[in-house]
Protein backbone atom coordinates (compact mmCIF):
# COMPACT_ATOMS: atom_id res chain seq x y z
CA UNK A 1 -7.26 -26.66 -11.88
CA UNK A 2 -6.42 -23.25 -10.53
CA UNK A 3 -4.34 -20.89 -12.59
CA UNK A 4 -0.84 -20.05 -11.49
CA UNK A 5 0.13 -16.56 -10.57
CA UNK A 6 2.28 -16.26 -13.71
CA UNK A 7 -0.89 -16.61 -15.85
CA UNK A 8 -2.69 -13.72 -14.03
CA UNK A 9 -2.31 -10.13 -15.13
CA UNK A 10 -0.93 -7.79 -12.59
CA UNK A 11 -4.17 -5.99 -11.91
CA UNK A 12 -5.67 -9.34 -10.89
CA UNK A 13 -2.76 -9.96 -8.50
CA UNK A 14 -3.33 -6.34 -7.10
CA UNK A 15 -7.02 -7.16 -6.70
CA UNK A 16 -6.20 -10.06 -4.52
CA UNK A 17 -3.37 -8.21 -2.74
CA UNK A 18 -5.73 -5.28 -1.92
CA UNK A 19 -8.13 -7.71 -0.10
CA UNK A 20 -5.34 -9.48 1.80
CA UNK A 21 -3.72 -6.26 2.90
CA UNK A 22 -7.05 -4.77 3.98
CA UNK A 23 -7.79 -7.87 6.10
CA UNK A 24 -4.38 -7.70 7.69
CA UNK A 25 -4.89 -3.92 8.45
CA UNK A 26 -8.25 -4.58 10.04
CA UNK A 27 -6.99 -7.54 12.16
CA UNK A 28 -3.88 -5.60 13.11
CA UNK A 29 -5.93 -2.62 14.30
CA UNK A 30 -8.28 -4.81 16.37
CA UNK A 31 -5.26 -6.63 17.90
CA UNK A 32 -3.82 -3.26 18.73
CA UNK A 33 -6.79 -2.53 20.99
CA UNK A 34 -8.83 -0.22 18.72
CA UNK A 35 -12.53 -0.99 19.11
CA UNK A 36 -14.50 2.13 18.10
CA UNK A 37 -15.63 1.87 14.51
CA UNK A 38 -14.94 5.49 13.71
CA UNK A 39 -11.34 5.10 15.03
CA UNK A 40 -10.93 1.79 13.21
CA UNK A 41 -11.92 3.51 9.91
CA UNK A 42 -9.69 6.50 10.57
CA UNK A 43 -6.61 4.51 11.29
CA UNK A 44 -7.32 2.02 8.54
CA UNK A 45 -7.36 4.84 5.93
CA UNK A 46 -3.80 5.72 7.00
CA UNK A 47 -2.65 2.17 6.23
CA UNK A 48 -4.42 1.60 2.91
CA UNK A 49 -3.94 4.97 1.27
CA UNK A 50 -1.91 4.79 -1.91
CA UNK A 51 0.83 7.04 -0.52
CA UNK A 52 1.47 4.67 2.45
CA UNK A 53 1.47 1.58 0.24
CA UNK A 54 3.94 3.33 -2.15
CA UNK A 55 6.22 4.38 0.70
CA UNK A 56 6.13 0.82 2.06
CA UNK A 57 7.07 -0.57 -1.37
CA UNK A 58 10.00 1.97 -1.57
CA UNK A 59 11.22 0.82 1.86
CA UNK A 60 11.18 -2.88 1.02
CA UNK A 61 12.25 -2.68 -2.53
CA UNK A 62 16.03 -3.14 -1.77
CA UNK A 63 15.27 -6.42 -0.01
CA UNK A 64 13.20 -7.99 -2.74
CA UNK A 65 14.44 -10.99 -4.69
CA UNK A 66 14.45 -11.03 -8.53
CA UNK A 67 11.05 -12.78 -8.77
CA UNK A 68 9.38 -10.30 -6.40
CA UNK A 69 10.99 -7.34 -8.20
CA UNK A 70 9.56 -8.74 -11.49
CA UNK A 71 6.07 -8.78 -9.95
CA UNK A 72 6.59 -5.20 -8.73
CA UNK A 73 7.50 -4.12 -12.27
CA UNK A 74 4.44 -5.90 -13.71
CA UNK A 75 2.24 -4.16 -11.11
CA UNK A 76 3.76 -0.74 -11.74
CA UNK A 77 3.32 -1.00 -15.49
CA UNK A 78 -0.13 -2.43 -15.52
CA UNK A 79 -2.66 -0.35 -17.59
CA UNK A 80 -5.46 1.16 -15.57
CA UNK A 81 -6.84 4.41 -14.29
CA UNK A 82 -6.18 6.22 -11.12
CA UNK A 83 -8.35 8.22 -8.63
CA UNK A 84 -8.24 11.99 -8.63
CA UNK A 85 -7.09 11.92 -4.99
CA UNK A 86 -3.54 10.77 -5.85
CA UNK A 87 -1.04 11.21 -8.57
CA UNK A 88 -0.40 8.60 -11.27
CA UNK A 89 3.13 7.64 -9.97
CA UNK A 90 2.04 7.10 -6.48
CA UNK A 91 -1.01 5.09 -7.52
CA UNK A 92 1.07 2.92 -9.78
CA UNK A 93 3.53 2.14 -6.99
CA UNK A 94 0.56 1.29 -4.69
CA UNK A 95 -0.75 -1.05 -7.36
CA UNK A 96 2.70 -2.68 -7.63
CA UNK A 97 2.64 -3.22 -3.85
CA UNK A 98 -0.81 -4.82 -4.01
CA UNK A 99 0.36 -7.04 -6.90
CA UNK A 100 3.32 -8.17 -4.77
CA UNK A 101 0.99 -8.95 -1.91
CA UNK A 102 -1.19 -11.00 -4.24
CA UNK A 103 1.87 -12.82 -5.44
CA UNK A 104 2.90 -13.58 -1.87
CA UNK A 105 -0.56 -14.87 -1.00
CA UNK A 106 -0.73 -17.16 -4.09
CA UNK A 107 2.69 -18.56 -3.44
CA UNK A 108 2.17 -19.08 0.26
CA UNK A 109 4.87 -16.66 1.24
CA UNK A 110 3.16 -15.57 4.43
CA UNK A 111 6.30 -14.91 6.40
CA UNK A 112 7.57 -12.58 3.68
CA UNK A 113 4.27 -10.79 3.50
CA UNK A 114 4.10 -10.26 7.28
CA UNK A 115 7.63 -9.01 7.30
CA UNK A 116 6.57 -6.27 4.92
CA UNK A 117 3.38 -5.49 6.67
CA UNK A 118 5.06 -5.16 10.04
CA UNK A 119 7.10 -2.23 8.74
CA UNK A 120 4.04 -0.06 8.07
CA UNK A 121 3.48 1.10 11.57
CA UNK A 122 6.83 2.93 11.51
CA UNK A 123 5.71 4.74 8.33
CA UNK A 124 2.40 5.69 9.80
CA UNK A 125 4.08 7.13 12.90
CA UNK A 126 6.63 9.09 10.81
CA UNK A 127 3.85 10.44 8.60
CA UNK A 128 1.95 11.64 11.74
CA UNK A 129 5.01 13.26 13.17
CA UNK A 130 5.61 15.21 9.89
CA UNK A 131 2.14 16.83 10.10
CA UNK A 132 1.65 20.06 12.08
CA UNK A 133 0.08 19.50 15.43
CA UNK A 134 -3.45 20.70 16.10
CA UNK A 135 -5.17 19.19 13.16
CA UNK A 136 -8.57 17.82 13.80
CA UNK A 137 -9.57 14.42 12.57
CA UNK A 138 -11.68 16.16 9.89
CA UNK A 139 -8.79 18.37 8.77
CA UNK A 140 -6.50 15.40 8.65
CA UNK A 141 -8.81 13.46 6.35
CA UNK A 142 -9.41 16.49 4.12
CA UNK A 143 -5.69 17.06 3.65
CA UNK A 144 -5.16 13.41 2.63
CA UNK A 145 -7.77 13.69 -0.14
CA UNK A 146 -6.11 16.64 -1.93
CA UNK A 147 -4.66 15.73 -5.32
CA UNK A 148 -0.87 15.75 -5.50
CA UNK A 149 0.71 17.07 -8.66
CA UNK A 150 2.84 14.42 -10.36
CA UNK A 151 5.94 16.61 -9.86
CA UNK A 152 5.39 16.67 -6.11
CA UNK A 153 5.36 12.89 -5.64
CA UNK A 154 7.81 11.41 -3.16
CA UNK A 155 7.77 8.37 -5.35
CA UNK A 156 8.83 10.19 -8.57
CA UNK A 157 12.43 9.29 -8.01
CA UNK A 158 11.78 5.68 -7.07
CA UNK A 159 13.51 3.38 -9.47
CA UNK A 160 11.69 0.06 -9.60
């Protein structure tokens, strides 16, 4: 008998959510007409980076129900490390988003999940508009890998 989502720790939900979101991103990019592998990879990294996931969570947070908010809190508070390429707060919010996606997947809330995913394009476009023009693809990737000090995080003020 399969375990219920309540029995799983938040990092397990995030593990599943990461895979589900990655599959959606790849399918979304292919359906959007991107075919070159280098372009697919470049665009996919914009979608799956921790900062984008944290911003998406911040955007949808006011619309979550009590159960979803509880999953977000569990994901945010889960014990685990973080990569050097992002600050702890942003990474924890990205983990919370992935845990929420895992929850939606296990509870067959596909419509809810797609509602959230469909909002990410707007965040990607806004992020691109905020960058100075003239950056090459290589410069853009290098800038995204720089560590952010925890005091600089956009998500520091997020109350979830």
